Protein backbone atom coordinates (compact mmCIF):
# COMPACT_ATOMS: atom_id res chain seq x y z
CA MET A 1 88.03 101.58 98.41
CA SER A 2 86.87 101.71 95.01
CA ALA A 3 87.01 104.68 92.78
CA ARG A 4 82.92 104.77 92.81
CA ARG A 5 83.06 104.54 96.89
CA ARG A 6 85.67 107.17 96.95
CA LYS A 7 84.14 109.52 95.25
CA GLU A 8 80.35 109.09 97.09
CA ALA A 9 82.66 109.80 100.29
CA ASP A 10 84.41 112.80 98.73
CA THR A 11 80.90 114.23 98.26
CA GLU A 12 79.94 113.39 101.49
CA VAL A 13 82.53 115.14 102.81
CA ASP A 14 82.10 118.28 100.74
CA THR A 15 78.24 118.04 101.98
CA VAL A 16 79.14 118.35 105.57
CA ALA A 17 79.33 121.89 107.05
CA GLU A 18 82.83 122.08 108.58
CA VAL A 19 83.35 122.51 112.69
CA ASP A 20 85.46 125.41 112.49
CA ARG A 21 83.37 127.12 109.67
CA LEU A 22 80.72 130.13 110.25
CA GLU A 23 77.69 128.74 108.40
CA GLY A 24 77.48 131.12 104.83
CA PHE A 25 80.82 132.66 105.29
CA PRO A 26 84.24 131.69 103.56
CA HIS A 27 86.33 129.37 105.94
CA PRO A 28 89.19 131.49 107.88
CA ARG A 29 91.99 129.86 104.85
CA GLU A 30 89.51 131.31 102.50
CA THR A 31 89.64 134.87 104.05
CA LEU A 32 92.66 136.21 102.71
CA VAL A 33 92.66 139.96 104.48
CA LEU A 34 92.66 140.21 108.29
CA HIS A 35 91.62 143.74 109.79
CA GLY A 36 92.71 144.59 113.30
CA HIS A 37 95.45 142.36 113.97
CA GLU A 38 98.67 144.70 112.29
CA PRO A 39 101.04 144.29 114.90
CA GLN A 40 101.18 140.66 114.83
CA GLU A 41 101.00 140.16 111.56
CA ALA A 42 104.25 142.32 110.70
CA LEU A 43 105.76 140.50 114.10
CA LEU A 44 105.44 137.37 112.25
CA ALA A 45 106.46 138.65 108.92
CA GLU A 46 109.93 140.35 110.11
CA GLY A 47 110.00 137.45 111.90
CA PHE A 48 110.06 134.97 108.71
CA ILE A 49 112.00 137.28 106.62
CA ALA A 50 114.85 138.06 109.03
CA GLY A 51 115.36 134.39 108.88
CA HIS A 52 114.60 134.00 113.55
CA LEU A 53 111.39 132.76 113.57
CA HIS A 54 110.38 130.87 116.39
CA HIS A 55 109.23 127.40 115.48
CA ALA A 56 105.93 127.41 117.54
CA PHE A 57 103.48 130.34 118.10
CA LEU A 58 100.64 129.70 120.46
CA ILE A 59 97.50 131.94 118.88
CA ALA A 60 95.09 133.10 121.79
CA GLY A 61 92.32 135.45 122.14
CA PRO A 62 88.83 134.98 122.17
CA ARG A 63 86.45 133.22 119.71
CA GLY A 64 85.93 134.89 116.92
CA ILE A 65 88.71 137.69 116.47
CA GLY A 66 90.67 136.30 113.24
CA LYS A 67 93.23 133.78 115.23
CA ALA A 68 92.33 131.22 112.53
CA THR A 69 92.68 133.83 109.83
CA LEU A 70 96.10 134.96 111.18
CA ALA A 71 96.92 131.06 111.25
CA TYR A 72 95.87 130.68 107.43
CA ARG A 73 97.38 133.91 106.28
CA MET A 74 100.54 133.28 107.95
CA ALA A 75 100.90 129.77 106.26
CA ARG A 76 100.47 131.03 102.99
CA PHE A 77 103.25 133.50 103.79
CA VAL A 78 105.71 130.92 104.65
CA LEU A 79 104.78 128.42 102.01
CA ALA A 80 104.30 130.98 99.11
CA GLU A 81 107.34 131.15 96.33
CA PRO A 82 108.91 134.76 97.16
CA GLY A 83 107.34 135.94 93.77
CA GLU A 84 103.66 135.26 95.23
CA ARG A 85 105.01 137.38 98.56
CA SER A 86 105.62 140.02 96.50
CA ALA A 87 103.16 139.90 93.96
CA GLY A 88 100.87 140.24 97.58
CA GLY A 89 100.15 144.22 96.70
CA SER A 90 99.01 146.79 99.22
CA GLY A 91 97.81 144.32 101.69
CA GLY A 92 101.35 144.34 103.69
CA GLY A 93 102.00 142.07 106.27
CA LEU A 94 101.48 138.43 105.44
CA ALA A 95 99.74 139.17 102.24
CA VAL A 96 100.35 136.89 99.24
CA ASP A 97 99.49 136.59 95.52
CA PRO A 98 95.46 135.91 95.82
CA ASP A 99 95.41 134.03 92.88
CA GLY A 100 98.56 132.39 93.02
CA ARG A 101 99.05 128.75 93.43
CA THR A 102 99.73 128.87 97.11
CA THR A 103 96.85 130.71 98.04
CA ARG A 104 94.78 128.22 95.75
CA GLN A 105 96.37 125.23 97.38
CA VAL A 106 95.85 126.15 101.04
CA ARG A 107 92.38 126.94 100.20
CA ALA A 108 92.13 123.34 98.74
CA MET A 109 94.27 122.05 101.98
CA SER A 110 95.66 120.16 99.16
CA HIS A 111 99.94 122.47 99.57
CA PRO A 112 102.20 119.33 100.39
CA GLY A 113 103.80 121.13 103.05
CA LEU A 114 100.52 122.14 105.05
CA MET A 115 99.32 119.98 107.81
CA ILE A 116 96.01 120.90 109.34
CA LEU A 117 95.15 119.37 112.41
CA ARG A 118 91.24 119.65 113.91
CA ARG A 119 87.68 117.63 114.59
CA ALA A 120 87.19 116.71 110.58
CA TYR A 121 84.24 114.81 109.73
CA ASP A 122 84.94 111.13 109.56
CA PRO A 123 82.90 109.69 106.38
CA GLN A 124 82.98 106.11 107.90
CA LYS A 125 81.87 107.11 111.27
CA LYS A 126 79.43 109.34 110.03
CA ARG A 127 80.23 112.03 112.10
CA THR A 128 82.26 114.76 113.41
CA PRO A 129 84.27 113.59 116.46
CA SER A 130 83.97 116.40 120.15
CA GLN A 131 87.90 115.89 120.18
CA ILE A 132 91.28 116.11 118.53
CA GLY A 133 92.13 112.45 118.74
CA VAL A 134 95.77 111.10 119.22
CA ASP A 135 95.63 109.48 116.02
CA GLU A 136 95.44 113.03 114.64
CA VAL A 137 98.12 114.00 115.71
CA ARG A 138 100.32 110.99 115.18
CA ARG A 139 99.96 111.98 111.46
CA LEU A 140 102.81 114.32 111.95
CA ARG A 141 105.52 111.91 112.10
CA GLY A 142 104.95 110.68 108.47
CA PHE A 143 104.32 114.42 107.34
CA MET A 144 107.69 115.82 109.00
CA THR A 145 109.58 112.97 107.71
CA GLN A 146 108.59 113.28 104.15
CA THR A 147 111.62 114.24 102.04
CA ALA A 148 111.37 117.92 100.61
CA ALA A 149 112.47 119.21 98.23
CA ALA A 150 115.37 121.83 99.49
CA GLY A 151 114.32 124.99 100.86
CA CYS A 152 110.82 123.64 101.49
CA TRP A 153 109.06 124.63 104.59
CA ARG A 154 106.56 121.91 106.60
CA VAL A 155 103.98 124.45 108.27
CA VAL A 156 101.39 122.77 111.42
CA VAL A 157 97.70 124.62 111.56
CA VAL A 158 95.88 123.19 115.11
CA ASP A 159 92.79 124.48 115.22
CA ALA A 160 91.55 124.42 118.02
CA ALA A 161 94.10 123.23 120.34
CA GLU A 162 91.88 123.14 123.69
CA GLU A 163 90.43 120.03 121.62
CA MET A 164 92.76 117.86 121.79
CA THR A 165 93.00 114.87 124.20
CA VAL A 166 95.78 114.90 126.86
CA SER A 167 97.15 111.80 124.76
CA ALA A 168 97.12 113.89 121.55
CA ALA A 169 98.22 117.02 123.59
CA ASN A 170 101.51 115.02 124.98
CA ALA A 171 101.92 113.55 121.24
CA LEU A 172 102.19 117.01 119.66
CA LEU A 173 104.35 117.70 122.61
CA LYS A 174 106.91 115.62 121.44
CA THR A 175 107.36 116.92 118.34
CA LEU A 176 107.33 120.41 119.52
CA GLU A 177 110.43 119.47 121.75
CA GLU A 178 112.34 118.62 118.94
CA PRO A 179 110.92 120.31 115.76
CA PRO A 180 112.51 119.15 112.23
CA ALA A 181 114.73 122.14 110.08
CA ARG A 182 112.40 124.65 108.63
CA SER A 183 109.14 123.94 110.26
CA LEU A 184 106.38 126.25 112.25
CA PHE A 185 103.65 125.18 114.29
CA LEU A 186 100.57 127.74 114.60
CA ILE A 187 98.87 126.55 117.53
CA VAL A 188 95.45 128.21 117.80
CA THR A 189 93.43 128.50 120.57
CA SER A 190 90.72 130.32 122.59
CA ALA A 191 91.64 128.75 125.85
CA PRO A 192 94.88 128.79 126.84
CA GLY A 193 94.49 127.85 130.34
CA LYS A 194 93.59 124.40 129.24
CA LEU A 195 96.58 123.35 127.18
CA LEU A 196 99.84 121.61 128.80
CA ALA A 197 102.08 123.72 130.74
CA THR A 198 104.77 122.06 129.08
CA ILE A 199 103.23 123.35 125.10
CA HIS A 200 103.40 127.06 126.76
CA SER A 201 107.07 126.99 127.21
CA ARG A 202 107.98 125.86 123.61
CA CYS A 203 105.81 128.31 122.48
CA ARG A 204 105.88 131.95 121.82
CA THR A 205 102.12 132.87 122.27
CA LEU A 206 100.44 135.62 120.41
CA ARG A 207 97.72 137.44 122.06
CA LEU A 208 94.79 138.91 119.79
CA GLN A 209 92.72 141.00 121.60
CA PRO A 210 89.26 142.30 120.62
CA LEU A 211 88.78 144.47 117.80
CA ALA A 212 87.77 148.51 117.80
CA PRO A 213 84.73 149.62 116.33
CA GLU A 214 86.42 150.68 112.74
CA PRO A 215 88.22 147.51 112.58
CA LEU A 216 85.45 145.40 113.42
CA HIS A 217 83.24 147.55 110.93
CA GLN A 218 86.06 146.38 107.86
CA ALA A 219 86.40 142.73 109.16
CA VAL A 220 82.18 142.17 109.04
CA ALA A 221 81.72 143.84 106.12
CA ALA A 222 84.52 142.01 103.94
CA ALA A 223 82.63 139.06 105.43
CA VAL A 224 79.72 139.79 103.99
CA SER A 225 81.37 140.86 100.55
CA SER A 226 83.07 137.49 100.34
CA ALA A 227 80.22 135.38 100.87
CA ARG A 228 77.94 137.59 98.38
CA ALA A 229 80.95 137.37 96.02
CA ALA A 230 80.60 133.46 96.72
CA GLY A 231 76.93 132.55 96.20
CA ALA A 232 77.07 132.25 99.73
CA ALA A 233 73.87 132.89 102.61
CA GLY A 234 75.87 134.93 104.44
CA GLY A 235 75.86 137.59 101.36
CA ALA A 236 72.54 137.99 102.18
CA ILE A 237 73.12 139.93 105.45
CA ASP A 238 73.15 143.90 106.29
CA VAL A 239 75.80 144.93 107.52
CA PRO A 240 75.14 147.54 110.53
CA ASP A 241 76.63 150.41 111.27
CA GLY A 242 76.70 153.42 113.56
CA ALA A 243 74.45 153.00 116.72
CA ALA A 244 72.99 149.51 115.79
CA LEU A 245 76.50 148.18 115.27
CA GLN A 246 78.13 150.05 118.41
CA GLU A 247 75.39 147.83 120.64
CA ILE A 248 76.23 144.67 118.72
CA ALA A 249 79.70 144.98 119.29
CA GLU A 250 79.58 145.62 122.93
CA LEU A 251 77.29 142.22 123.12
CA ALA A 252 80.15 140.41 120.53
CA ASN A 253 83.17 141.55 122.69
CA GLY A 254 84.43 143.13 119.77
CA ALA A 255 84.49 139.81 117.98
CA PRO A 256 83.84 139.95 113.72
CA ARG A 257 82.54 135.97 114.08
CA ARG A 258 80.17 137.18 116.91
CA VAL A 259 78.91 140.23 115.03
CA LEU A 260 77.95 138.06 111.77
CA GLN A 261 76.26 135.08 114.39
CA LEU A 262 74.05 137.92 116.35
CA VAL A 263 73.24 139.70 113.18
CA ALA A 264 72.04 136.48 110.84
CA VAL A 265 69.80 135.14 113.65
CA ASP A 266 68.58 138.20 114.70
CA GLY A 267 70.21 137.55 118.29
CA MET A 268 69.51 141.13 119.68
CA ALA A 269 65.91 140.46 119.94
CA LEU A 270 66.88 137.11 121.54
CA TYR A 271 68.91 139.17 123.90
CA ARG A 272 66.28 140.73 124.75
CA GLU A 273 63.63 138.47 125.41
CA ILE A 274 66.31 136.43 127.78
CA SER A 275 67.08 139.96 129.61
CA GLY A 276 63.39 140.36 130.02
CA LEU A 277 63.19 136.90 131.52
CA LEU A 278 66.40 137.26 133.50
CA GLU A 279 65.05 140.68 134.72
CA GLY A 280 62.38 138.65 136.55
CA LEU A 281 64.93 137.34 139.05
CA PRO A 282 64.35 135.61 141.27
CA ARG A 283 61.09 134.14 139.83
CA LEU A 284 60.95 133.69 136.24
CA ASP A 285 58.07 134.29 133.82
CA ARG A 286 56.78 130.36 133.19
CA SER A 287 55.16 131.43 129.91
CA GLY A 288 57.19 133.43 128.60
CA LEU A 289 60.26 130.81 129.70
CA ALA A 290 57.79 127.84 128.19
CA ARG A 291 57.39 130.11 124.61
CA LEU A 292 60.86 130.43 124.62
CA SER A 293 62.02 126.81 125.14
CA GLU A 294 59.60 125.70 122.66
CA ARG A 295 60.58 127.66 120.02
CA LEU A 296 64.32 127.25 120.25
CA ALA A 297 64.25 123.39 120.82
CA GLY A 298 62.55 123.14 117.36
CA SER A 299 65.30 121.90 114.49
CA GLN A 300 64.79 124.38 112.41
CA ASN A 301 66.46 126.98 115.16
CA GLU A 302 69.77 125.24 115.59
CA ALA A 303 71.55 128.29 115.32
CA SER A 304 69.25 130.82 118.05
CA TYR A 305 69.17 127.41 120.21
CA ASN A 306 72.94 128.02 119.79
CA MET A 307 73.17 131.58 120.34
CA ALA A 308 70.48 131.55 123.31
CA LEU A 309 73.03 128.99 125.04
CA ASP A 310 76.00 131.46 124.49
CA LEU A 311 74.09 134.38 125.71
CA LEU A 312 73.34 132.65 129.00
CA ALA A 313 76.79 131.24 129.51
CA GLY A 314 78.33 134.30 128.47
CA ALA A 315 76.24 136.40 130.99
CA VAL A 316 77.04 134.10 133.82
CA ALA A 317 80.60 134.54 133.19
CA VAL A 318 80.61 137.92 132.97
CA ALA A 319 78.81 138.27 136.17
CA VAL A 320 80.81 135.78 137.76
CA ARG A 321 83.92 137.39 136.71
CA GLY A 322 82.68 140.86 137.76
CA ALA A 323 81.75 139.88 141.11
CA ALA A 324 85.19 138.20 141.77
CA ALA A 325 87.00 141.24 140.77
CA GLY A 326 84.73 143.92 142.39
CA THR A 327 83.54 145.33 138.90
CA SER A 328 80.72 145.87 137.25
CA ALA A 329 79.42 143.95 134.14
CA GLY A 330 79.07 146.63 132.17
CA ASP A 331 76.60 147.18 129.56
CA ASN A 332 75.50 143.71 129.42
CA ARG A 333 71.49 143.28 130.41
CA LEU A 334 71.91 139.82 130.71
CA ALA A 335 74.96 139.97 133.11
CA LEU A 336 73.91 143.05 135.42
CA ALA A 337 70.49 141.21 136.07
CA LEU A 338 72.28 138.19 137.13
CA SER A 339 74.80 140.16 139.19
CA ARG A 340 72.59 141.16 141.72
CA HIS A 341 72.18 138.00 143.28
CA LEU A 342 76.35 137.22 143.52
CA GLY A 343 76.40 139.42 146.66
CA SER A 344 79.20 136.70 148.60
CA PRO A 345 82.15 134.78 147.94
CA GLN A 346 79.85 131.42 148.72
CA LYS A 347 77.67 132.62 146.10
CA VAL A 348 80.38 133.55 143.67
CA ALA A 349 81.60 129.57 143.76
CA GLN A 350 78.35 128.69 143.82
CA TRP A 351 77.38 130.42 140.35
CA ALA A 352 81.29 129.09 138.93
CA SER A 353 79.66 125.70 139.70
CA LEU A 354 76.81 126.52 138.07
CA TRP A 355 78.40 127.87 134.85
CA GLU A 356 80.73 124.29 134.87
CA THR A 357 77.25 122.57 134.78
CA LEU A 358 75.55 124.46 132.28
CA GLN A 359 78.83 123.67 130.00
CA ARG A 360 78.93 119.82 130.15
CA GLU A 361 75.26 119.10 130.43
CA ARG A 362 75.01 120.97 127.12
CA ALA A 363 77.90 119.24 125.89
CA GLU A 364 75.77 115.92 126.84
CA VAL A 365 72.64 117.15 124.88
CA ASP A 366 74.23 117.58 122.20
CA LEU A 367 76.45 114.35 121.76
CA LEU A 368 73.63 112.26 122.96
CA ASN A 369 71.13 114.36 121.25
CA LEU A 370 68.67 114.60 124.32
CA ASP A 371 65.89 116.76 124.54
CA ARG A 372 66.75 120.47 124.06
CA ARG A 373 63.67 122.05 125.58
CA SER A 374 63.95 120.15 128.72
CA PHE A 375 67.43 121.11 129.07
CA ILE A 376 66.58 125.20 128.06
CA LEU A 377 63.80 124.81 130.69
CA GLU A 378 66.45 122.61 132.89
CA ALA A 379 69.29 125.90 132.93
CA PHE A 380 66.80 128.34 133.11
CA LEU A 381 65.38 127.11 136.49
CA ARG A 382 68.86 126.15 137.67
CA ILE A 383 69.58 130.01 137.43
CA GLU A 384 66.39 130.90 139.33
CA ALA A 385 67.57 128.12 141.79
CA ALA A 386 71.08 129.63 142.45
CA THR A 387 69.09 133.56 143.20
CA ARG A 388 67.24 131.84 145.98
CA GLY A 389 70.01 129.87 147.24
């Protein structure tokens, strides 16, 4: 490839949003402070300093609570020079010098000791793949066999592991079974149940929990402040507090990323609109549904479209879990509206199947660029039919 074409390709990649970045905010590898997961940080730091660090960690938990941020924070700590760690100041845990060389290299993904396995934009095919393929994981061979200076670590971040194909997962497993010396695998996943049991057996699991109100507010405020400092769109968001934050936090299940998404698209108004529709079951308001689907289908409403479907799928999941366990759906008005129609084991199974169908069809709509308006209408009408069946 000529220098000119290479430069054009690099520019094109730079202008394409990373699938693991929340638009308008810093990427997890650019986020230097992590809130609410101090015990997990301490465990990793102590293991490294004591010299008995396990070679692979499965960092599991709900989406958007800081798993990738923890992984990159650990990567910087392991790859940093001793002086960079001591310059971490009062950050504690896995803090390193925020202005040091390692921090800059990890931010730019240019550190020779770091490999990131993820769904990355392909400039030749001009698209982002839907899964992490085996060819991506096979790059580990060359990375792990590189001759390194004495004492150099190799750190691999996999984000998100549930997006690997079966072939890719098996290729990763081969390296996990015989890890080179001074290698560390940080495997991030929001769906550990989808991973091979043999991958679980080779890893030590770190489970991250939803954040409590105080660290949640700190994390959200820090993300907005960082976005503002970088001149990114997220810096214009007003950070909620008090009762407003509590309402959003409950819907976001203690996930900072989710709070930011809800605030950015006025998700609470969308939540109330959808709950108003669902509370009319078993008969949906057709005119209200038509207005909602028409608005969300517009290309300028990408974020609201995704938020609406996330809210809907989340409500079905909460209702199904609650019905199966015999527990309440809590304060989620959407889930409460659905729970009234899950009165028998057969219904629970039917609704679980409905959730899987909605997830599969949503992926097909995105992959094949199908009509979103029709899909939104169909999704709500499937729910209406399930309440009557």
